[in-house]
C-alpha atoms as a PDB file:
ATOM      1  CA  MET A   1       0.000   0.000   0.000  1.00  0.00           C
ATOM      2  CA  ASN A   2       1.191   3.548  -0.681  1.00  0.00           C
ATOM      3  CA  GLN A   3       2.338   4.817   2.711  1.00  0.00           C
ATOM      4  CA  GLN A   4       2.225   8.405   1.428  1.00  0.00           C
ATOM      5  CA  TYR A   5      -1.535   8.009   0.922  1.00  0.00           C
ATOM      6  CA  TRP A   6      -2.051   7.336   4.628  1.00  0.00           C
ATOM      7  CA  ASP A   7       0.499   9.911   5.763  1.00  0.00           C
ATOM      8  CA  ARG A   8      -1.339  12.535   3.700  1.00  0.00           C
ATOM      9  CA  LEU A   9      -4.559  11.365   5.309  1.00  0.00           C
ATOM     10  CA  ALA A  10      -2.997  11.956   8.719  1.00  0.00           C
ATOM     11  CA  LYS A  11      -2.767  15.708   8.112  1.00  0.00           C
ATOM     12  CA  ASN A  12      -6.536  16.194   8.312  1.00  0.00           C
ATOM     13  CA  PHE A  13      -7.485  12.852   9.814  1.00  0.00           C
ATOM     14  CA  ALA A  14     -10.259  14.202  12.056  1.00  0.00           C
ATOM     15  CA  ASP A  15     -12.010  15.791   9.056  1.00  0.00           C
ATOM     16  CA  ARG A  16     -11.662  12.786   6.782  1.00  0.00           C
ATOM     17  CA  VAL A  17     -12.205   9.790   9.041  1.00  0.00           C
ATOM     18  CA  PHE A  18     -14.938  10.023  11.658  1.00  0.00           C
ATOM     19  CA  GLU A  19     -13.989   8.135  14.818  1.00  0.00           C
ATOM     20  CA  ILE A  20     -17.153   6.145  15.324  1.00  0.00           C
ATOM     21  CA  ALA A  21     -16.101   4.685  18.698  1.00  0.00           C
ATOM     22  CA  GLY A  22     -16.342   8.081  20.333  1.00  0.00           C
ATOM     23  CA  GLY A  23     -19.247   9.437  18.343  1.00  0.00           C
ATOM     24  CA  GLU A  24     -21.813   6.667  17.952  1.00  0.00           C
ATOM     25  CA  THR A  25     -25.292   7.490  19.231  1.00  0.00           C
ATOM     26  CA  ASN A  26     -26.855   4.034  19.613  1.00  0.00           C
ATOM     27  CA  GLY A  27     -24.052   2.248  21.468  1.00  0.00           C
ATOM     28  CA  ALA A  28     -23.956  -0.665  19.020  1.00  0.00           C
ATOM     29  CA  LEU A  29     -20.180  -0.776  18.661  1.00  0.00           C
ATOM     30  CA  ALA A  30     -19.422  -0.487  22.375  1.00  0.00           C
ATOM     31  CA  ALA A  31     -21.995  -3.154  23.243  1.00  0.00           C
ATOM     32  CA  THR A  32     -20.636  -5.586  20.659  1.00  0.00           C
ATOM     33  CA  VAL A  33     -17.037  -5.059  21.761  1.00  0.00           C
ATOM     34  CA  LYS A  34     -18.047  -5.777  25.351  1.00  0.00           C
ATOM     35  CA  LYS A  35     -19.948  -8.902  24.294  1.00  0.00           C
ATOM     36  CA  LEU A  36     -17.007 -10.291  22.318  1.00  0.00           C
ATOM     37  CA  SER A  37     -14.628  -9.648  25.218  1.00  0.00           C
ATOM     38  CA  ARG A  38     -16.576 -12.121  27.349  1.00  0.00           C
ATOM     39  CA  ARG A  39     -15.491 -14.924  25.030  1.00  0.00           C
ATOM     40  CA  TYR A  40     -12.149 -13.744  23.645  1.00  0.00           C
ATOM     41  CA  LYS A  41      -8.988 -12.455  25.346  1.00  0.00           C
ATOM     42  CA  THR A  42      -6.755 -10.999  22.622  1.00  0.00           C
ATOM     43  CA  ALA A  43      -7.810  -8.341  20.129  1.00  0.00           C
ATOM     44  CA  GLY A  44      -6.301  -6.880  16.990  1.00  0.00           C
ATOM     45  CA  ASP A  45      -7.069  -3.306  15.946  1.00  0.00           C
ATOM     46  CA  PHE A  46      -6.374  -3.552  12.217  1.00  0.00           C
ATOM     47  CA  GLY A  47      -5.920  -0.134  10.644  1.00  0.00           C
ATOM     48  CA  CYS A  48      -6.050   1.526  14.050  1.00  0.00           C
ATOM     49  CA  GLY A  49      -5.335   4.983  12.637  1.00  0.00           C
ATOM     50  CA  ALA A  50      -4.953   7.566  15.375  1.00  0.00           C
ATOM     51  CA  GLY A  51      -6.239   5.101  17.975  1.00  0.00           C
ATOM     52  CA  GLY A  52      -9.908   6.004  17.971  1.00  0.00           C
ATOM     53  CA  THR A  53     -11.062   2.498  18.907  1.00  0.00           C
ATOM     54  CA  THR A  54      -7.943   1.227  20.655  1.00  0.00           C
ATOM     55  CA  PRO A  55      -8.819   2.589  24.140  1.00  0.00           C
ATOM     56  CA  LEU A  56     -12.196   0.838  23.993  1.00  0.00           C
ATOM     57  CA  LEU A  57     -10.527  -2.467  23.119  1.00  0.00           C
ATOM     58  CA  ALA A  58      -7.895  -1.993  25.823  1.00  0.00           C
ATOM     59  CA  THR A  59     -10.659  -1.579  28.391  1.00  0.00           C
ATOM     60  CA  TYR A  60     -12.165  -4.991  27.707  1.00  0.00           C
ATOM     61  CA  PHE A  61      -9.427  -7.246  26.313  1.00  0.00           C
ATOM     62  CA  ASP A  62      -6.386  -8.667  28.092  1.00  0.00           C
ATOM     63  CA  GLU A  63      -4.098  -7.909  25.155  1.00  0.00           C
ATOM     64  CA  VAL A  64      -4.499  -5.579  22.175  1.00  0.00           C
ATOM     65  CA  ILE A  65      -2.287  -5.325  19.104  1.00  0.00           C
ATOM     66  CA  ALA A  66      -2.858  -2.052  17.229  1.00  0.00           C
ATOM     67  CA  ILE A  67      -1.649  -2.113  13.629  1.00  0.00           C
ATOM     68  CA  ASP A  68      -1.360   0.637  11.029  1.00  0.00           C
ATOM     69  CA  TYR A  69       0.833   1.549   8.059  1.00  0.00           C
ATOM     70  CA  ALA A  70       0.822   5.322   8.542  1.00  0.00           C
ATOM     71  CA  LYS A  71       3.641   6.084  10.960  1.00  0.00           C
ATOM     72  CA  LYS A  72       2.258   9.537  11.762  1.00  0.00           C
ATOM     73  CA  LEU A  73      -1.099   8.101  12.765  1.00  0.00           C
ATOM     74  CA  LEU A  74       0.511   5.312  14.753  1.00  0.00           C
ATOM     75  CA  ARG A  75       2.549   7.837  16.739  1.00  0.00           C
ATOM     76  CA  ARG A  76      -0.679   9.667  17.583  1.00  0.00           C
ATOM     77  CA  ALA A  77      -2.234   6.412  18.716  1.00  0.00           C
ATOM     78  CA  GLN A  78       0.767   5.626  20.924  1.00  0.00           C
ATOM     79  CA  LYS A  79       0.493   9.005  22.639  1.00  0.00           C
ATOM     80  CA  ARG A  80      -3.226   8.521  23.069  1.00  0.00           C
ATOM     81  CA  VAL A  81      -3.138   4.988  24.453  1.00  0.00           C
ATOM     82  CA  GLN A  82      -0.494   4.323  27.084  1.00  0.00           C
ATOM     83  CA  THR A  83      -1.682   1.172  28.796  1.00  0.00           C
ATOM     84  CA  ASP A  84       0.407  -1.923  29.459  1.00  0.00           C
ATOM     85  CA  ASN A  85      -1.882  -4.270  27.542  1.00  0.00           C
ATOM     86  CA  VAL A  86      -1.481  -2.538  24.153  1.00  0.00           C
ATOM     87  CA  ARG A  87       1.400  -2.896  21.728  1.00  0.00           C
ATOM     88  CA  PHE A  88       1.748  -1.144  18.401  1.00  0.00           C
ATOM     89  CA  LEU A  89       2.920  -2.517  15.093  1.00  0.00           C
ATOM     90  CA  THR A  90       3.679  -0.849  11.762  1.00  0.00           C
ATOM     91  CA  ALA A  91       2.544  -3.075   8.906  1.00  0.00           C
ATOM     92  CA  ASP A  92       1.105  -2.844   5.407  1.00  0.00           C
ATOM     93  CA  LEU A  93      -2.180  -4.713   5.712  1.00  0.00           C
ATOM     94  CA  SER A  94      -2.541  -4.848   1.927  1.00  0.00           C
ATOM     95  CA  ALA A  95       0.765  -6.679   1.409  1.00  0.00           C
ATOM     96  CA  LYS A  96       0.704 -10.244   0.103  1.00  0.00           C
ATOM     97  CA  LYS A  97       2.337 -11.537   3.291  1.00  0.00           C
ATOM     98  CA  PRO A  98       0.296 -10.759   6.425  1.00  0.00           C
ATOM     99  CA  PRO A  99       2.042  -9.645   9.633  1.00  0.00           C
ATOM    100  CA  ALA A 100       3.031 -12.373  12.103  1.00  0.00           C
ATOM    101  CA  VAL A 101       0.046 -11.696  14.335  1.00  0.00           C
ATOM    102  CA  THR A 102      -2.704 -13.997  15.596  1.00  0.00           C
ATOM    103  CA  VAL A 103      -5.613 -12.734  17.693  1.00  0.00           C
ATOM    104  CA  ASP A 104      -8.862 -14.130  19.048  1.00  0.00           C
ATOM    105  CA  ALA A 105     -10.940 -11.175  17.898  1.00  0.00           C
ATOM    106  CA  ALA A 106     -10.079  -8.950  14.949  1.00  0.00           C
ATOM    107  CA  PHE A 107     -11.430  -5.420  14.714  1.00  0.00           C
ATOM    108  CA  CYS A 108     -11.337  -3.448  11.480  1.00  0.00           C
ATOM    109  CA  ILE A 109     -13.023  -0.116  12.152  1.00  0.00           C
ATOM    110  CA  ASN A 110     -13.441   2.069   9.070  1.00  0.00           C
ATOM    111  CA  ALA A 111     -10.150   0.847   7.645  1.00  0.00           C
ATOM    112  CA  LEU A 112     -11.519  -0.658   4.410  1.00  0.00           C
ATOM    113  CA  LEU A 113     -11.762   2.776   2.796  1.00  0.00           C
ATOM    114  CA  HIS A 114      -9.158   2.718   0.027  1.00  0.00           C
ATOM    115  CA  PRO A 115     -10.615   3.400  -3.444  1.00  0.00           C
ATOM    116  CA  ASN A 116      -8.595   0.520  -4.900  1.00  0.00           C
ATOM    117  CA  ALA A 117     -10.604  -2.731  -4.774  1.00  0.00           C
ATOM    118  CA  LYS A 118      -7.507  -4.957  -4.799  1.00  0.00           C
ATOM    119  CA  LYS A 119      -6.091  -3.230  -1.723  1.00  0.00           C
ATOM    120  CA  ARG A 120      -9.408  -3.551   0.123  1.00  0.00           C
ATOM    121  CA  ARG A 121      -9.568  -7.248  -0.726  1.00  0.00           C
ATOM    122  CA  ARG A 122      -6.045  -7.853   0.524  1.00  0.00           C
ATOM    123  CA  ILE A 123      -6.694  -5.994   3.773  1.00  0.00           C
ATOM    124  CA  THR A 124      -9.770  -8.157   4.357  1.00  0.00           C
ATOM    125  CA  GLU A 125      -7.741 -11.291   3.636  1.00  0.00           C
ATOM    126  CA  THR A 126      -5.042 -10.113   6.061  1.00  0.00           C
ATOM    127  CA  VAL A 127      -7.612  -9.652   8.811  1.00  0.00           C
ATOM    128  CA  TYR A 128      -8.838 -13.186   8.124  1.00  0.00           C
ATOM    129  CA  ALA A 129      -5.311 -14.631   8.145  1.00  0.00           C
ATOM    130  CA  CYS A 130      -4.528 -12.970  11.490  1.00  0.00           C
ATOM    131  CA  THR A 131      -7.701 -14.250  13.169  1.00  0.00           C
ATOM    132  CA  ARG A 132      -7.297 -17.603  14.873  1.00  0.00           C
ATOM    133  CA  ARG A 133      -9.538 -20.511  13.926  1.00  0.00           C
ATOM    134  CA  GLY A 134     -12.680 -20.234  16.043  1.00  0.00           C
ATOM    135  CA  GLY A 135     -12.153 -16.511  16.464  1.00  0.00           C
ATOM    136  CA  ALA A 136     -14.306 -13.583  15.411  1.00  0.00           C
ATOM    137  CA  ALA A 137     -14.064 -10.375  13.438  1.00  0.00           C
ATOM    138  CA  LEU A 138     -15.939  -7.118  13.829  1.00  0.00           C
ATOM    139  CA  VAL A 139     -15.861  -4.859  10.781  1.00  0.00           C
ATOM    140  CA  VAL A 140     -17.271  -1.343  10.613  1.00  0.00           C
ATOM    141  CA  ALA A 141     -17.544   0.242   7.170  1.00  0.00           C
ATOM    142  CA  PRO A 142     -19.265   3.337   5.746  1.00  0.00           C
ATOM    143  CA  ALA A 143     -22.753   2.674   4.373  1.00  0.00           C
ATOM    144  CA  LEU A 144     -23.393   3.802   0.809  1.00  0.00           C
ATOM    145  CA  GLU A 145     -27.130   3.831   1.482  1.00  0.00           C
ATOM    146  CA  SER A 146     -26.587   6.273   4.330  1.00  0.00           C
ATOM    147  CA  TYR A 147     -24.376   8.524   2.221  1.00  0.00           C
ATOM    148  CA  LEU A 148     -26.925   8.726  -0.603  1.00  0.00           C
ATOM    149  CA  ARG A 149     -29.733   9.276   1.893  1.00  0.00           C
ATOM    150  CA  THR A 150     -27.930  12.472   2.932  1.00  0.00           C
ATOM    151  CA  TYR A 151     -28.820  14.113  -0.387  1.00  0.00           C
ATOM    152  CA  GLN A 152     -32.501  13.272   0.099  1.00  0.00           C
ATOM    153  CA  VAL A 153     -32.416  14.756   3.588  1.00  0.00           C
ATOM    154  CA  LEU A 154     -30.698  17.856   2.232  1.00  0.00           C
ATOM    155  CA  VAL A 155     -33.536  18.260  -0.286  1.00  0.00           C
ATOM    156  CA  ALA A 156     -36.103  17.836   2.511  1.00  0.00           C
ATOM    157  CA  CYS A 157     -34.250  20.448   4.547  1.00  0.00           C
ATOM    158  CA  ARG A 158     -34.427  23.000   1.733  1.00  0.00           C
ATOM    159  CA  VAL A 159     -38.097  22.234   1.157  1.00  0.00           C
ATOM    160  CA  ALA A 160     -38.718  22.818   4.875  1.00  0.00           C
ATOM    161  CA  GLN A 161     -37.038  26.197   4.472  1.00  0.00           C
ATOM    162  CA  GLY A 162     -39.570  27.145   1.795  1.00  0.00           C
ATOM    163  CA  GLN A 163     -37.870  26.094  -1.425  1.00  0.00           C
ATOM    164  CA  GLY A 164     -39.954  24.245  -4.018  1.00  0.00           C
ATOM    165  CA  ARG A 165     -39.159  20.538  -4.255  1.00  0.00           C
ATOM    166  CA  LYS A 166     -38.135  20.570  -7.925  1.00  0.00           C
ATOM    167  CA  LYS A 167     -35.855  23.534  -7.333  1.00  0.00           C
ATOM    168  CA  ALA A 168     -34.407  21.864  -4.234  1.00  0.00           C
ATOM    169  CA  VAL A 169     -33.643  18.690  -6.186  1.00  0.00           C
ATOM    170  CA  ARG A 170     -32.007  20.698  -8.980  1.00  0.00           C
ATOM    171  CA  SER A 171     -29.865  22.586  -6.469  1.00  0.00           C
ATOM    172  CA  VAL A 172     -28.665  19.422  -4.716  1.00  0.00           C
ATOM    173  CA  ALA A 173     -28.032  17.354  -7.864  1.00  0.00           C
ATOM    174  CA  PRO A 174     -24.770  19.125  -8.874  1.00  0.00           C
ATOM    175  CA  LEU A 175     -23.372  18.561  -5.386  1.00  0.00           C
ATOM    176  CA  ALA A 176     -24.114  14.843  -5.626  1.00  0.00           C
ATOM    177  CA  GLN A 177     -22.575  14.659  -9.093  1.00  0.00           C
ATOM    178  CA  LYS A 178     -19.424  16.339  -7.800  1.00  0.00           C
ATOM    179  CA  GLU A 179     -19.047  14.256  -4.648  1.00  0.00           C
ATOM    180  CA  VAL A 180     -19.965  10.805  -5.977  1.00  0.00           C
ATOM    181  CA  HIS A 181     -16.877   9.686  -7.883  1.00  0.00           C
ATOM    182  CA  SER A 182     -18.347   6.306  -8.853  1.00  0.00           C
ATOM    183  CA  LEU A 183     -21.835   5.183  -7.918  1.00  0.00           C
ATOM    184  CA  VAL A 184     -21.142   1.702  -9.275  1.00  0.00           C
ATOM    185  CA  GLU A 185     -18.007   1.282  -7.137  1.00  0.00           C
ATOM    186  CA  GLY A 186     -19.363   3.189  -4.146  1.00  0.00           C
ATOM    187  CA  ILE A 187     -16.503   5.701  -4.194  1.00  0.00           C
ATOM    188  CA  VAL A 188     -17.498   9.091  -2.797  1.00  0.00           C
ATOM    189  CA  ASP A 189     -15.772  12.210  -1.549  1.00  0.00           C
ATOM    190  CA  VAL A 190     -15.049  12.530   2.167  1.00  0.00           C
ATOM    191  CA  GLY A 191     -13.009  15.570   3.160  1.00  0.00           C
ATOM    192  CA  GLY A 192     -11.529  15.787  -0.321  1.00  0.00           C
ATOM    193  CA  THR A 193     -10.489  12.118  -0.414  1.00  0.00           C
ATOM    194  CA  PRO A 194     -12.118   9.392  -2.569  1.00  0.00           C
ATOM    195  CA  THR A 195     -13.490   6.955   0.013  1.00  0.00           C
ATOM    196  CA  LYS A 196     -15.098   3.539  -0.375  1.00  0.00           C
ATOM    197  CA  HIS A 197     -18.665   3.106   0.935  1.00  0.00           C
ATOM    198  CA  TYR A 198     -20.478  -0.242   1.035  1.00  0.00           C
ATOM    199  CA  MET A 199     -23.927  -1.558   0.335  1.00  0.00           C
ATOM    200  CA  HIS A 200     -25.160  -4.118   2.883  1.00  0.00           C
ATOM    201  CA  ASP A 201     -24.828  -7.201   0.689  1.00  0.00           C
ATOM    202  CA  GLU A 202     -21.537  -5.997  -0.771  1.00  0.00           C
ATOM    203  CA  LEU A 203     -19.879  -5.917   2.648  1.00  0.00           C
ATOM    204  CA  VAL A 204     -21.219  -9.378   3.479  1.00  0.00           C
ATOM    205  CA  GLN A 205     -19.880 -10.705   0.170  1.00  0.00           C
ATOM    206  CA  GLN A 206     -16.444  -9.172   0.695  1.00  0.00           C
ATOM    207  CA  LEU A 207     -16.098 -10.798   4.106  1.00  0.00           C
ATOM    208  CA  ALA A 208     -17.396 -14.130   2.794  1.00  0.00           C
ATOM    209  CA  ASP A 209     -14.937 -14.051  -0.108  1.00  0.00           C
ATOM    210  CA  ALA A 210     -12.104 -13.714   2.421  1.00  0.00           C
ATOM    211  CA  GLY A 211     -13.363 -16.810   4.260  1.00  0.00           C
ATOM    212  CA  PHE A 212     -15.458 -15.339   7.071  1.00  0.00           C
ATOM    213  CA  ALA A 213     -18.952 -16.525   7.974  1.00  0.00           C
ATOM    214  CA  VAL A 214     -20.986 -13.389   8.625  1.00  0.00           C
ATOM    215  CA  ALA A 215     -23.354 -13.767  11.568  1.00  0.00           C
ATOM    216  CA  THR A 216     -24.957 -10.329  11.876  1.00  0.00           C
ATOM    217  CA  VAL A 217     -24.951  -6.920  10.237  1.00  0.00           C
ATOM    218  CA  ALA A 218     -26.214  -3.978  12.261  1.00  0.00           C
ATOM    219  CA  ARG A 219     -26.060  -0.196  12.149  1.00  0.00           C
ATOM    220  CA  VAL A 220     -23.731   2.050  14.107  1.00  0.00           C
ATOM    221  CA  GLU A 221     -25.520   5.385  14.127  1.00  0.00           C
ATOM    222  CA  PHE A 222     -23.895   8.789  14.472  1.00  0.00           C
ATOM    223  CA  PRO A 223     -25.074  12.431  14.650  1.00  0.00           C
ATOM    224  CA  TRP A 224     -26.295  14.317  11.609  1.00  0.00           C
ATOM    225  CA  SER A 225     -23.871  17.076  12.583  1.00  0.00           C
ATOM    226  CA  GLU A 226     -21.095  14.911  11.142  1.00  0.00           C
ATOM    227  CA  VAL A 227     -22.529  15.283   7.646  1.00  0.00           C
ATOM    228  CA  LEU A 228     -24.996  18.208   7.645  1.00  0.00           C
ATOM    229  CA  ASP A 229     -25.099  21.457   9.609  1.00  0.00           C
ATOM    230  CA  ASP A 230     -28.209  23.028  11.157  1.00  0.00           C
ATOM    231  CA  LEU A 231     -30.587  20.203  10.287  1.00  0.00           C
ATOM    232  CA  PRO A 232     -34.147  20.771  11.604  1.00  0.00           C
ATOM    233  CA  GLN A 233     -35.006  18.558  14.564  1.00  0.00           C
ATOM    234  CA  ASP A 234     -37.899  16.826  12.792  1.00  0.00           C
ATOM    235  CA  LEU A 235     -35.498  15.551  10.118  1.00  0.00           C
ATOM    236  CA  GLN A 236     -33.093  14.005  12.636  1.00  0.00           C
ATOM    237  CA  LYS A 237     -35.261  11.027  13.613  1.00  0.00           C
ATOM    238  CA  PHE A 238     -33.403   8.599  11.337  1.00  0.00           C
ATOM    239  CA  ARG A 239     -29.674   9.091  11.833  1.00  0.00           C
ATOM    240  CA  PRO A 240     -26.842   8.339   9.394  1.00  0.00           C
ATOM    241  CA  TRP A 241     -24.985   5.091   9.994  1.00  0.00           C
ATOM    242  CA  ASP A 242     -22.049   2.820   9.274  1.00  0.00           C
ATOM    243  CA  TRP A 243     -22.404  -0.923   8.837  1.00  0.00           C
ATOM    244  CA  LEU A 244     -21.253  -3.149  11.707  1.00  0.00           C
ATOM    245  CA  ALA A 245     -20.641  -6.748  10.662  1.00  0.00           C
ATOM    246  CA  VAL A 246     -19.739  -9.562  13.057  1.00  0.00           C
ATOM    247  CA  ALA A 247     -18.260 -12.691  11.518  1.00  0.00           C
ATOM    248  CA  SER A 248     -16.577 -15.906  12.593  1.00  0.00           C
ATOM    249  CA  LYS A 249     -13.644 -17.881  11.246  1.00  0.00           C
END
């Protein structure tokens, strides 16, 4: 994987990659992590980034291995998480040879974002290879359905402000055309970076192709403020979400 890609990402990481562990509104991720910790003892934080999820894992698991390829992000994670049960490893998760790591429970939280399909496939295969037989994986990935729903909500917001619906649709359409790089591939703009988003069945298929048996797929919800400003309260009932898949090996 191109390390420069991730080091560039580190410059504006907070704007480009939302840290779902600290911002979820329905508690789905935290509850699932806690549940898995009752059965498993060691955890791998694959693509840990700046350590957004690592503290949560360190709270519940006896041992955590946090892995990332961007040295700048890994240094941030090390400063952020200074507990005895966490060790950090620099590794290219998209390389043909996986790192010499084996964990009971693998966590891949918004790390399957690269616009290149081959790199995403290899990362998924690495996570599988590093999960022990009988272990589990928890994967969080951006939902394409949620992203596209944002444009519909934006139209509804403008209609609520008094704009005619046809005019509102026409005004939002150019924004969607600019930000959606490839609807077929699910590549959209996030903070100026082409970012992979997944449909429900697509994520299940990707995990299955790597060898995992997907047990459940749920939603990790987060505030509308992460994607739209000043949204009327009556339009905030259904929140945006990421997919949360739990699978076994």
